[in-house]
Protein backbone atom coordinates (compact mmCIF):
# COMPACT_ATOMS: atom_id res chain seq x y z
CA MET A 1 0.00 0.00 0.00
CA GLY A 2 2.84 2.42 0.80
CA ALA A 3 4.46 2.05 -2.63
CA ALA A 4 1.12 2.54 -4.40
CA LEU A 5 0.40 5.71 -2.40
CA ALA A 6 3.90 7.05 -3.07
CA MET A 7 3.47 6.42 -6.82
CA TYR A 8 0.07 8.17 -6.78
CA GLU A 9 1.50 11.19 -4.95
CA MET A 10 4.47 11.36 -7.34
CA THR A 11 2.15 11.24 -10.36
CA LEU A 12 -0.10 13.94 -8.90
CA ILE A 13 2.82 16.27 -8.11
CA LEU A 14 4.44 15.74 -11.52
CA SER A 15 1.19 16.40 -13.38
CA THR A 16 0.63 19.59 -11.34
CA ILE A 17 4.13 20.88 -12.13
CA LEU A 18 3.82 20.07 -15.84
CA ASN A 19 0.37 21.69 -16.09
CA GLU A 20 1.20 24.88 -14.17
CA CYS A 21 4.83 25.67 -15.03
CA ASP A 22 6.88 26.35 -18.13
CA LEU A 23 10.16 24.48 -17.83
CA GLU A 24 13.45 24.76 -19.68
CA LEU A 25 16.00 21.98 -20.07
CA LEU A 26 19.40 23.00 -18.68
CA GLU A 27 21.29 20.02 -20.09
CA THR A 28 23.58 20.72 -23.02
CA LEU A 29 24.76 17.14 -23.48
CA GLU A 30 22.74 14.18 -24.69
CA VAL A 31 20.78 12.55 -21.86
CA LYS A 32 21.60 8.83 -21.76
CA PRO A 33 19.20 6.43 -20.10
CA ILE A 34 20.20 3.73 -17.63
CA ARG A 35 18.17 0.80 -16.41
CA ARG A 36 16.72 1.13 -12.89
CA GLY A 37 14.72 -1.89 -11.91
CA GLY A 38 12.07 -2.37 -14.60
CA THR A 39 12.25 1.18 -15.94
CA LEU A 40 14.64 3.52 -17.68
CA ALA A 41 15.87 6.72 -16.07
CA PRO A 42 18.24 9.47 -17.18
CA ARG A 43 21.83 8.93 -15.97
CA GLY A 44 22.53 11.55 -13.30
CA GLY A 45 19.03 13.02 -13.51
CA VAL A 46 17.83 15.90 -15.67
CA ARG A 47 18.33 19.51 -14.62
CA MET A 48 15.46 21.84 -15.46
CA CYS A 49 14.56 25.41 -14.59
CA LYS A 50 11.17 27.05 -14.15
CA VAL A 51 10.97 29.91 -16.66
CA GLY A 52 7.36 30.97 -16.15
CA ASP A 53 3.82 30.11 -15.18
CA ARG A 54 1.14 28.81 -17.47
CA PRO A 55 -2.23 30.55 -17.41
CA PRO A 56 -4.85 28.58 -15.50
CA HIS A 57 -7.18 26.43 -17.52
CA PHE A 58 -10.51 25.16 -16.35
CA SER A 59 -12.18 21.91 -17.19
CA SER A 60 -15.92 21.44 -17.48
CA HIS A 61 -15.87 20.10 -13.91
CA THR A 62 -14.50 23.26 -12.31
CA THR A 63 -16.00 26.71 -11.96
CA PRO A 64 -13.52 29.59 -11.99
CA GLN A 65 -14.20 31.65 -8.87
CA ALA A 66 -12.22 34.69 -10.04
CA THR A 67 -14.31 35.19 -13.18
CA SER A 68 -17.72 34.59 -11.59
CA ALA A 69 -18.06 38.28 -10.65
CA ALA A 70 -17.15 39.39 -14.17
CA TYR A 71 -19.85 37.17 -15.69
CA PRO A 72 -22.90 37.39 -13.44
CA VAL A 73 -25.51 34.67 -13.83
CA VAL A 74 -28.87 36.21 -14.73
């Protein structure tokens, strides 16, 4: 159960970062993969830098609170 929860948390955090931030790759050399268990991973990791924020996007399941005053429901 602990490994499954850790994987879920890692997936949630990664998806949040990728959806909300603009990232730039800092590597200048080719990133070579190595085998770690049953997966592949970059040798030595991958250095990235946050270069900006992405504008928020809303799905059909969310209601933007900030724009509700600008568009009153009649």
